[in-house]
C-alpha cells in the first residue's frame, strides 16, 4: 500500500523545542497523527490546546504550539525556560526532485 505522504503536496512537521534546542521529530500526512504524537513524545499530560482547538488555530494562520499546562503557565515560559519544553506543528510543502 503506498504511503499517504507520497500523494500529498503538503505534510505536517512536528518540531520539538527543549530549552533552546529545536529538532525535527517527524513528518506525517495527517494533523491528528501529528497532534497525538506530539502529546505522546513530550509526555504532555495537560495540553495547552485540545485537538479541535489546535486545528482551528492553525486554520486562522501559522504554526500551532503545544505545551504541558501543568508544568508551564504560558508559551513564553515553555519556550524560554532553561527546562522549557514545547512542540510546534506546522504544515509544509513537499518538494519533489
PDB file of N, CA and C in Angstrom:
ATOM      1  N   UNK A   1       0.841  -1.173   0.000  1.00  0.00           N
ATOM      2  CA  UNK A   1       0.000   0.000   0.000  1.00  0.00           C
ATOM      3  C   UNK A   1       0.889   1.241   0.000  1.00  0.00           C
ATOM      4  N   UNK A   2       0.662   2.186  -0.902  1.00  0.00           N
ATOM      5  CA  UNK A   2       1.502   3.374  -0.971  1.00  0.00           C
ATOM      6  C   UNK A   2       1.304   4.285   0.245  1.00  0.00           C
ATOM      7  N   UNK A   3       2.348   4.974   0.582  1.00  0.00           N
ATOM      8  CA  UNK A   3       2.304   5.897   1.711  1.00  0.00           C
ATOM      9  C   UNK A   3       1.454   7.118   1.360  1.00  0.00           C
ATOM     10  N   UNK A   4       0.617   7.607   2.311  1.00  0.00           N
ATOM     11  CA  UNK A   4      -0.172   8.808   2.036  1.00  0.00           C
ATOM     12  C   UNK A   4       0.698  10.038   1.830  1.00  0.00           C
ATOM     13  N   UNK A   5       1.918  10.006   2.361  1.00  0.00           N
ATOM     14  CA  UNK A   5       2.815  11.152   2.200  1.00  0.00           C
ATOM     15  C   UNK A   5       3.231  11.297   0.740  1.00  0.00           C
ATOM     16  N   UNK A   6       3.356  10.200   0.027  1.00  0.00           N
ATOM     17  CA  UNK A   6       3.732  10.269  -1.381  1.00  0.00           C
ATOM     18  C   UNK A   6       2.707  11.009  -2.219  1.00  0.00           C
ATOM     19  N   UNK A   7       1.441  10.897  -1.856  1.00  0.00           N
ATOM     20  CA  UNK A   7       0.376  11.535  -2.610  1.00  0.00           C
ATOM     21  C   UNK A   7       0.194  13.001  -2.246  1.00  0.00           C
ATOM     22  N   UNK A   8       0.605  13.394  -1.063  1.00  0.00           N
ATOM     23  CA  UNK A   8       0.344  14.737  -0.557  1.00  0.00           C
ATOM     24  C   UNK A   8       1.268  15.783  -1.162  1.00  0.00           C
ATOM     25  N   UNK A   9       0.741  16.981  -1.292  1.00  0.00           N
ATOM     26  CA  UNK A   9       1.558  18.120  -1.687  1.00  0.00           C
ATOM     27  C   UNK A   9       2.048  18.881  -0.460  1.00  0.00           C
ATOM     28  N   UNK A  10       1.421  18.609   0.685  1.00  0.00           N
ATOM     29  CA  UNK A  10       1.817  19.227   1.944  1.00  0.00           C
ATOM     30  C   UNK A  10       1.800  18.162   3.042  1.00  0.00           C
ATOM     31  N   UNK A  11       2.658  18.318   4.029  1.00  0.00           N
ATOM     32  CA  UNK A  11       2.725  17.392   5.160  1.00  0.00           C
ATOM     33  C   UNK A  11       2.836  18.189   6.455  1.00  0.00           C
ATOM     34  N   UNK A  12       2.547  17.518   7.558  1.00  0.00           N
ATOM     35  CA  UNK A  12       2.674  18.130   8.882  1.00  0.00           C
ATOM     36  C   UNK A  12       4.057  17.814   9.448  1.00  0.00           C
ATOM     37  N   UNK A  13       4.741  18.847   9.897  1.00  0.00           N
ATOM     38  CA  UNK A  13       6.059  18.712  10.504  1.00  0.00           C
ATOM     39  C   UNK A  13       5.916  18.949  11.998  1.00  0.00           C
ATOM     40  N   UNK A  14       6.479  18.069  12.782  1.00  0.00           N
ATOM     41  CA  UNK A  14       6.463  18.182  14.233  1.00  0.00           C
ATOM     42  C   UNK A  14       7.863  18.561  14.683  1.00  0.00           C
ATOM     43  N   UNK A  15       7.994  19.740  15.297  1.00  0.00           N
ATOM     44  CA  UNK A  15       9.289  20.261  15.732  1.00  0.00           C
ATOM     45  C   UNK A  15       9.298  20.338  17.251  1.00  0.00           C
ATOM     46  N   UNK A  16      10.298  19.734  17.859  1.00  0.00           N
ATOM     47  CA  UNK A  16      10.449  19.717  19.310  1.00  0.00           C
ATOM     48  C   UNK A  16      11.380  20.841  19.738  1.00  0.00           C
ATOM     49  N   UNK A  17      10.995  21.552  20.782  1.00  0.00           N
ATOM     50  CA  UNK A  17      11.879  22.577  21.346  1.00  0.00           C
ATOM     51  C   UNK A  17      12.040  22.287  22.828  1.00  0.00           C
ATOM     52  N   UNK A  18      13.274  21.955  23.190  1.00  0.00           N
ATOM     53  CA  UNK A  18      13.610  21.692  24.592  1.00  0.00           C
ATOM     54  C   UNK A  18      14.734  22.630  24.978  1.00  0.00           C
ATOM     55  N   UNK A  19      14.448  23.511  25.927  1.00  0.00           N
ATOM     56  CA  UNK A  19      15.416  24.555  26.250  1.00  0.00           C
ATOM     57  C   UNK A  19      15.538  25.476  25.052  1.00  0.00           C
ATOM     58  N   UNK A  20      16.741  25.630  24.527  1.00  0.00           N
ATOM     59  CA  UNK A  20      16.943  26.460  23.342  1.00  0.00           C
ATOM     60  C   UNK A  20      17.215  25.633  22.094  1.00  0.00           C
ATOM     61  N   UNK A  21      17.108  24.307  22.213  1.00  0.00           N
ATOM     62  CA  UNK A  21      17.388  23.433  21.062  1.00  0.00           C
ATOM     63  C   UNK A  21      16.098  23.021  20.374  1.00  0.00           C
ATOM     64  N   UNK A  22      16.104  23.168  19.055  1.00  0.00           N
ATOM     65  CA  UNK A  22      14.984  22.696  18.245  1.00  0.00           C
ATOM     66  C   UNK A  22      15.432  21.519  17.413  1.00  0.00           C
ATOM     67  N   UNK A  23      14.561  20.541  17.281  1.00  0.00           N
ATOM     68  CA  UNK A  23      14.860  19.400  16.419  1.00  0.00           C
ATOM     69  C   UNK A  23      13.572  18.902  15.779  1.00  0.00           C
ATOM     70  N   UNK A  24      13.693  18.478  14.537  1.00  0.00           N
ATOM     71  CA  UNK A  24      12.538  17.924  13.827  1.00  0.00           C
ATOM     72  C   UNK A  24      12.306  16.500  14.322  1.00  0.00           C
ATOM     73  N   UNK A  25      11.069  16.217  14.701  1.00  0.00           N
ATOM     74  CA  UNK A  25      10.752  14.888  15.208  1.00  0.00           C
ATOM     75  C   UNK A  25      10.205  13.970  14.132  1.00  0.00           C
ATOM     76  N   UNK A  26       9.235  14.463  13.368  1.00  0.00           N
ATOM     77  CA  UNK A  26       8.620  13.592  12.381  1.00  0.00           C
ATOM     78  C   UNK A  26       7.832  14.391  11.368  1.00  0.00           C
ATOM     79  N   UNK A  27       7.471  13.693  10.316  1.00  0.00           N
ATOM     80  CA  UNK A  27       6.610  14.232   9.269  1.00  0.00           C
ATOM     81  C   UNK A  27       5.482  13.233   9.080  1.00  0.00           C
ATOM     82  N   UNK A  28       4.267  13.731   8.997  1.00  0.00           N
ATOM     83  CA  UNK A  28       3.118  12.865   8.786  1.00  0.00           C
ATOM     84  C   UNK A  28       2.117  13.564   7.877  1.00  0.00           C
ATOM     85  N   UNK A  29       1.248  12.797   7.283  1.00  0.00           N
ATOM     86  CA  UNK A  29       0.285  13.352   6.331  1.00  0.00           C
ATOM     87  C   UNK A  29      -0.963  13.898   7.017  1.00  0.00           C
ATOM     88  N   UNK A  30      -1.231  13.496   8.253  1.00  0.00           N
ATOM     89  CA  UNK A  30      -2.474  13.883   8.902  1.00  0.00           C
ATOM     90  C   UNK A  30      -2.224  14.671  10.179  1.00  0.00           C
ATOM     91  N   UNK A  31      -3.044  15.697  10.388  1.00  0.00           N
ATOM     92  CA  UNK A  31      -2.930  16.529  11.576  1.00  0.00           C
ATOM     93  C   UNK A  31      -3.147  15.709  12.843  1.00  0.00           C
ATOM     94  N   UNK A  32      -4.134  14.831  12.816  1.00  0.00           N
ATOM     95  CA  UNK A  32      -4.455  14.031  14.004  1.00  0.00           C
ATOM     96  C   UNK A  32      -3.248  13.224  14.475  1.00  0.00           C
ATOM     97  N   UNK A  33      -2.534  12.608  13.551  1.00  0.00           N
ATOM     98  CA  UNK A  33      -1.340  11.841  13.927  1.00  0.00           C
ATOM     99  C   UNK A  33      -0.269  12.747  14.506  1.00  0.00           C
ATOM    100  N   UNK A  34      -0.059  13.894  13.903  1.00  0.00           N
ATOM    101  CA  UNK A  34       0.957  14.829  14.414  1.00  0.00           C
ATOM    102  C   UNK A  34       0.596  15.275  15.827  1.00  0.00           C
ATOM    103  N   UNK A  35      -0.665  15.603  16.070  1.00  0.00           N
ATOM    104  CA  UNK A  35      -1.101  16.051  17.385  1.00  0.00           C
ATOM    105  C   UNK A  35      -0.913  14.948  18.429  1.00  0.00           C
ATOM    106  N   UNK A  36      -1.373  13.747  18.104  1.00  0.00           N
ATOM    107  CA  UNK A  36      -1.262  12.635  19.051  1.00  0.00           C
ATOM    108  C   UNK A  36       0.195  12.305  19.372  1.00  0.00           C
ATOM    109  N   UNK A  37       1.056  12.328  18.369  1.00  0.00           N
ATOM    110  CA  UNK A  37       2.468  12.034  18.603  1.00  0.00           C
ATOM    111  C   UNK A  37       3.159  13.146  19.384  1.00  0.00           C
ATOM    112  N   UNK A  38       2.732  14.383  19.190  1.00  0.00           N
ATOM    113  CA  UNK A  38       3.286  15.492  19.985  1.00  0.00           C
ATOM    114  C   UNK A  38       2.972  15.289  21.462  1.00  0.00           C
ATOM    115  N   UNK A  39       1.739  14.921  21.755  1.00  0.00           N
ATOM    116  CA  UNK A  39       1.328  14.669  23.140  1.00  0.00           C
ATOM    117  C   UNK A  39       2.118  13.493  23.723  1.00  0.00           C
ATOM    118  N   UNK A  40       2.269  12.442  22.948  1.00  0.00           N
ATOM    119  CA  UNK A  40       2.961  11.242  23.417  1.00  0.00           C
ATOM    120  C   UNK A  40       4.460  11.486  23.586  1.00  0.00           C
ATOM    121  N   UNK A  41       5.115  12.033  22.581  1.00  0.00           N
ATOM    122  CA  UNK A  41       6.571  12.210  22.606  1.00  0.00           C
ATOM    123  C   UNK A  41       7.028  13.152  23.722  1.00  0.00           C
ATOM    124  N   UNK A  42       6.238  14.163  24.019  1.00  0.00           N
ATOM    125  CA  UNK A  42       6.636  15.137  25.037  1.00  0.00           C
ATOM    126  C   UNK A  42       5.976  14.896  26.385  1.00  0.00           C
ATOM    127  N   UNK A  43       5.269  13.789  26.489  1.00  0.00           N
ATOM    128  CA  UNK A  43       4.613  13.411  27.750  1.00  0.00           C
ATOM    129  C   UNK A  43       3.774  14.567  28.296  1.00  0.00           C
ATOM    130  N   UNK A  44       2.928  15.105  27.432  1.00  0.00           N
ATOM    131  CA  UNK A  44       2.078  16.235  27.812  1.00  0.00           C
ATOM    132  C   UNK A  44       0.816  15.685  28.460  1.00  0.00           C
ATOM    133  N   UNK A  45       0.674  15.944  29.758  1.00  0.00           N
ATOM    134  CA  UNK A  45      -0.479  15.455  30.491  1.00  0.00           C
ATOM    135  C   UNK A  45      -1.680  16.373  30.364  1.00  0.00           C
ATOM    136  N   UNK A  46      -1.423  17.659  30.359  1.00  0.00           N
ATOM    137  CA  UNK A  46      -2.482  18.664  30.248  1.00  0.00           C
ATOM    138  C   UNK A  46      -2.133  19.590  29.085  1.00  0.00           C
ATOM    139  N   UNK A  47      -2.533  19.240  27.852  1.00  0.00           N
ATOM    140  CA  UNK A  47      -2.140  20.042  26.690  1.00  0.00           C
ATOM    141  C   UNK A  47      -2.709  21.454  26.735  1.00  0.00           C
ATOM    142  N   UNK A  48      -1.956  22.385  26.200  1.00  0.00           N
ATOM    143  CA  UNK A  48      -2.388  23.777  26.157  1.00  0.00           C
ATOM    144  C   UNK A  48      -3.614  23.947  25.270  1.00  0.00           C
ATOM    145  N   UNK A  49      -3.754  23.107  24.252  1.00  0.00           N
ATOM    146  CA  UNK A  49      -4.900  23.145  23.349  1.00  0.00           C
ATOM    147  C   UNK A  49      -5.386  21.731  23.076  1.00  0.00           C
ATOM    148  N   UNK A  50      -6.694  21.579  22.994  1.00  0.00           N
ATOM    149  CA  UNK A  50      -7.243  20.306  22.558  1.00  0.00           C
ATOM    150  C   UNK A  50      -7.031  20.163  21.059  1.00  0.00           C
ATOM    151  N   UNK A  51      -7.290  18.979  20.537  1.00  0.00           N
ATOM    152  CA  UNK A  51      -7.050  18.748  19.106  1.00  0.00           C
ATOM    153  C   UNK A  51      -7.891  19.672  18.233  1.00  0.00           C
ATOM    154  N   UNK A  52      -9.152  19.811  18.547  1.00  0.00           N
ATOM    155  CA  UNK A  52     -10.030  20.663  17.735  1.00  0.00           C
ATOM    156  C   UNK A  52      -9.597  22.136  17.820  1.00  0.00           C
ATOM    157  N   UNK A  53      -9.265  22.603  19.016  1.00  0.00           N
ATOM    158  CA  UNK A  53      -8.822  23.992  19.175  1.00  0.00           C
ATOM    159  C   UNK A  53      -7.512  24.240  18.433  1.00  0.00           C
ATOM    160  N   UNK A  54      -6.617  23.268  18.456  1.00  0.00           N
ATOM    161  CA  UNK A  54      -5.345  23.404  17.744  1.00  0.00           C
ATOM    162  C   UNK A  54      -5.573  23.477  16.238  1.00  0.00           C
ATOM    163  N   UNK A  55      -6.478  22.655  15.729  1.00  0.00           N
ATOM    164  CA  UNK A  55      -6.782  22.675  14.298  1.00  0.00           C
ATOM    165  C   UNK A  55      -7.403  24.012  13.890  1.00  0.00           C
ATOM    166  N   UNK A  56      -8.304  24.528  14.715  1.00  0.00           N
ATOM    167  CA  UNK A  56      -8.934  25.815  14.423  1.00  0.00           C
ATOM    168  C   UNK A  56      -7.908  26.953  14.465  1.00  0.00           C
ATOM    169  N   UNK A  57      -6.991  26.892  15.418  1.00  0.00           N
ATOM    170  CA  UNK A  57      -5.937  27.908  15.496  1.00  0.00           C
ATOM    171  C   UNK A  57      -5.059  27.866  14.256  1.00  0.00           C
ATOM    172  N   UNK A  58      -4.726  26.666  13.782  1.00  0.00           N
ATOM    173  CA  UNK A  58      -3.916  26.555  12.568  1.00  0.00           C
ATOM    174  C   UNK A  58      -4.657  27.142  11.374  1.00  0.00           C
ATOM    175  N   UNK A  59      -5.957  26.911  11.268  1.00  0.00           N
ATOM    176  CA  UNK A  59      -6.738  27.433  10.147  1.00  0.00           C
ATOM    177  C   UNK A  59      -6.725  28.955  10.113  1.00  0.00           C
ATOM    178  N   UNK A  60      -6.575  29.583  11.285  1.00  0.00           N
ATOM    179  CA  UNK A  60      -6.506  31.038  11.343  1.00  0.00           C
ATOM    180  C   UNK A  60      -5.164  31.549  10.848  1.00  0.00           C
ATOM    181  N   UNK A  61      -4.178  30.674  10.800  1.00  0.00           N
ATOM    182  CA  UNK A  61      -2.882  31.068  10.243  1.00  0.00           C
ATOM    183  C   UNK A  61      -1.715  30.758  11.161  1.00  0.00           C
ATOM    184  N   UNK A  62      -0.684  30.206  10.553  1.00  0.00           N
ATOM    185  CA  UNK A  62       0.552  29.992  11.279  1.00  0.00           C
ATOM    186  C   UNK A  62       0.655  28.658  11.986  1.00  0.00           C
ATOM    187  N   UNK A  63       1.820  28.398  12.565  1.00  0.00           N
ATOM    188  CA  UNK A  63       2.050  27.141  13.288  1.00  0.00           C
ATOM    189  C   UNK A  63       1.299  27.107  14.619  1.00  0.00           C
ATOM    190  N   UNK A  64       1.166  25.924  15.165  1.00  0.00           N
ATOM    191  CA  UNK A  64       0.481  25.706  16.444  1.00  0.00           C
ATOM    192  C   UNK A  64       1.517  25.245  17.458  1.00  0.00           C
ATOM    193  N   UNK A  65       1.545  25.880  18.614  1.00  0.00           N
ATOM    194  CA  UNK A  65       2.445  25.491  19.700  1.00  0.00           C
ATOM    195  C   UNK A  65       1.652  24.733  20.758  1.00  0.00           C
ATOM    196  N   UNK A  66       2.218  23.642  21.247  1.00  0.00           N
ATOM    197  CA  UNK A  66       1.637  22.857  22.334  1.00  0.00           C
ATOM    198  C   UNK A  66       2.644  22.741  23.467  1.00  0.00           C
ATOM    199  N   UNK A  67       2.158  22.800  24.691  1.00  0.00           N
ATOM    200  CA  UNK A  67       2.999  22.602  25.863  1.00  0.00           C
ATOM    201  C   UNK A  67       2.134  22.057  26.977  1.00  0.00           C
ATOM    202  N   UNK A  68       2.769  21.583  28.027  1.00  0.00           N
ATOM    203  CA  UNK A  68       2.067  20.996  29.168  1.00  0.00           C
ATOM    204  C   UNK A  68       1.706  22.106  30.152  1.00  0.00           C
ATOM    205  N   UNK A  69       0.410  22.373  30.299  1.00  0.00           N
ATOM    206  CA  UNK A  69      -0.037  23.455  31.185  1.00  0.00           C
ATOM    207  C   UNK A  69       0.206  23.146  32.652  1.00  0.00           C
ATOM    208  N   UNK A  70       0.389  21.886  32.994  1.00  0.00           N
ATOM    209  CA  UNK A  70       0.648  21.556  34.398  1.00  0.00           C
ATOM    210  C   UNK A  70       2.084  21.910  34.794  1.00  0.00           C
ATOM    211  N   UNK A  71       2.969  22.075  33.811  1.00  0.00           N
ATOM    212  CA  UNK A  71       4.367  22.437  34.097  1.00  0.00           C
ATOM    213  C   UNK A  71       4.695  23.885  33.767  1.00  0.00           C
ATOM    214  N   UNK A  72       4.041  24.446  32.753  1.00  0.00           N
ATOM    215  CA  UNK A  72       4.331  25.817  32.318  1.00  0.00           C
ATOM    216  C   UNK A  72       3.023  26.588  32.155  1.00  0.00           C
ATOM    217  N   UNK A  73       2.995  27.804  32.690  1.00  0.00           N
ATOM    218  CA  UNK A  73       1.771  28.594  32.636  1.00  0.00           C
ATOM    219  C   UNK A  73       1.517  29.203  31.266  1.00  0.00           C
ATOM    220  N   UNK A  74       2.583  29.536  30.541  1.00  0.00           N
ATOM    221  CA  UNK A  74       2.421  30.226  29.265  1.00  0.00           C
ATOM    222  C   UNK A  74       3.389  29.671  28.227  1.00  0.00           C
ATOM    223  N   UNK A  75       3.146  30.050  26.988  1.00  0.00           N
ATOM    224  CA  UNK A  75       4.035  29.637  25.909  1.00  0.00           C
ATOM    225  C   UNK A  75       5.430  30.213  26.114  1.00  0.00           C
ATOM    226  N   UNK A  76       5.520  31.458  26.537  1.00  0.00           N
ATOM    227  CA  UNK A  76       6.823  32.086  26.750  1.00  0.00           C
ATOM    228  C   UNK A  76       7.645  31.316  27.776  1.00  0.00           C
ATOM    229  N   UNK A  77       7.001  30.889  28.847  1.00  0.00           N
ATOM    230  CA  UNK A  77       7.700  30.115  29.869  1.00  0.00           C
ATOM    231  C   UNK A  77       8.144  28.762  29.310  1.00  0.00           C
ATOM    232  N   UNK A  78       7.291  28.121  28.523  1.00  0.00           N
ATOM    233  CA  UNK A  78       7.633  26.823  27.935  1.00  0.00           C
ATOM    234  C   UNK A  78       8.768  26.951  26.919  1.00  0.00           C
ATOM    235  N   UNK A  79       8.845  28.086  26.225  1.00  0.00           N
ATOM    236  CA  UNK A  79       9.891  28.272  25.221  1.00  0.00           C
ATOM    237  C   UNK A  79      11.215  28.735  25.805  1.00  0.00           C
ATOM    238  N   UNK A  80      11.181  29.650  26.755  1.00  0.00           N
ATOM    239  CA  UNK A  80      12.417  30.315  27.175  1.00  0.00           C
ATOM    240  C   UNK A  80      12.945  29.886  28.530  1.00  0.00           C
ATOM    241  N   UNK A  81      12.258  29.036  29.231  1.00  0.00           N
ATOM    242  CA  UNK A  81      12.776  28.499  30.483  1.00  0.00           C
ATOM    243  C   UNK A  81      13.937  27.549  30.170  1.00  0.00           C
ATOM    244  N   UNK A  82      14.970  27.479  31.020  1.00  0.00           N
ATOM    245  CA  UNK A  82      16.069  26.536  30.771  1.00  0.00           C
ATOM    246  C   UNK A  82      15.599  25.084  30.690  1.00  0.00           C
ATOM    247  N   UNK A  83      14.489  24.772  31.348  1.00  0.00           N
ATOM    248  CA  UNK A  83      13.929  23.414  31.286  1.00  0.00           C
ATOM    249  C   UNK A  83      12.652  23.402  30.445  1.00  0.00           C
ATOM    250  N   UNK A  84      12.517  24.399  29.593  1.00  0.00           N
ATOM    251  CA  UNK A  84      11.328  24.546  28.760  1.00  0.00           C
ATOM    252  C   UNK A  84      11.117  23.364  27.826  1.00  0.00           C
ATOM    253  N   UNK A  85       9.872  23.154  27.466  1.00  0.00           N
ATOM    254  CA  UNK A  85       9.508  22.013  26.629  1.00  0.00           C
ATOM    255  C   UNK A  85       8.232  22.370  25.875  1.00  0.00           C
ATOM    256  N   UNK A  86       8.330  22.480  24.550  1.00  0.00           N
ATOM    257  CA  UNK A  86       7.167  22.806  23.724  1.00  0.00           C
ATOM    258  C   UNK A  86       7.299  22.098  22.376  1.00  0.00           C
ATOM    259  N   UNK A  87       6.180  21.992  21.683  1.00  0.00           N
ATOM    260  CA  UNK A  87       6.140  21.329  20.384  1.00  0.00           C
ATOM    261  C   UNK A  87       5.434  22.257  19.397  1.00  0.00           C
ATOM    262  N   UNK A  88       5.989  22.349  18.192  1.00  0.00           N
ATOM    263  CA  UNK A  88       5.376  23.164  17.136  1.00  0.00           C
ATOM    264  C   UNK A  88       4.879  22.247  16.021  1.00  0.00           C
ATOM    265  N   UNK A  89       3.642  22.441  15.619  1.00  0.00           N
ATOM    266  CA  UNK A  89       3.058  21.725  14.487  1.00  0.00           C
ATOM    267  C   UNK A  89       2.875  22.733  13.357  1.00  0.00           C
ATOM    268  N   UNK A  90       3.386  22.395  12.189  1.00  0.00           N
ATOM    269  CA  UNK A  90       3.197  23.279  11.049  1.00  0.00           C
ATOM    270  C   UNK A  90       3.072  22.470   9.774  1.00  0.00           C
ATOM    271  N   UNK A  91       2.387  23.028   8.821  1.00  0.00           N
ATOM    272  CA  UNK A  91       2.181  22.361   7.543  1.00  0.00           C
ATOM    273  C   UNK A  91       3.209  22.938   6.566  1.00  0.00           C
ATOM    274  N   UNK A  92       3.930  22.037   5.906  1.00  0.00           N
ATOM    275  CA  UNK A  92       4.968  22.470   4.978  1.00  0.00           C
ATOM    276  C   UNK A  92       4.752  21.809   3.610  1.00  0.00           C
ATOM    277  N   UNK A  93       5.194  22.455   2.548  1.00  0.00           N
ATOM    278  CA  UNK A  93       5.039  21.857   1.218  1.00  0.00           C
ATOM    279  C   UNK A  93       6.057  20.729   0.994  1.00  0.00           C
ATOM    280  N   UNK A  94       5.662  19.779   0.171  1.00  0.00           N
ATOM    281  CA  UNK A  94       6.559  18.686  -0.206  1.00  0.00           C
ATOM    282  C   UNK A  94       7.269  19.097  -1.502  1.00  0.00           C
ATOM    283  N   UNK A  95       8.574  18.999  -1.483  1.00  0.00           N
ATOM    284  CA  UNK A  95       9.367  19.310  -2.689  1.00  0.00           C
ATOM    285  C   UNK A  95       9.851  18.008  -3.279  1.00  0.00           C
ATOM    286  N   UNK A  96       9.520  17.795  -4.481  1.00  0.00           N
ATOM    287  CA  UNK A  96       9.913  16.557  -5.166  1.00  0.00           C
ATOM    288  C   UNK A  96      11.078  16.837  -6.103  1.00  0.00           C
ATOM    289  N   UNK A  97      11.998  15.909  -6.158  1.00  0.00           N
ATOM    290  CA  UNK A  97      13.170  16.072  -7.020  1.00  0.00           C
ATOM    291  C   UNK A  97      12.898  15.594  -8.423  1.00  0.00           C
TER     292      UNK A  97
END
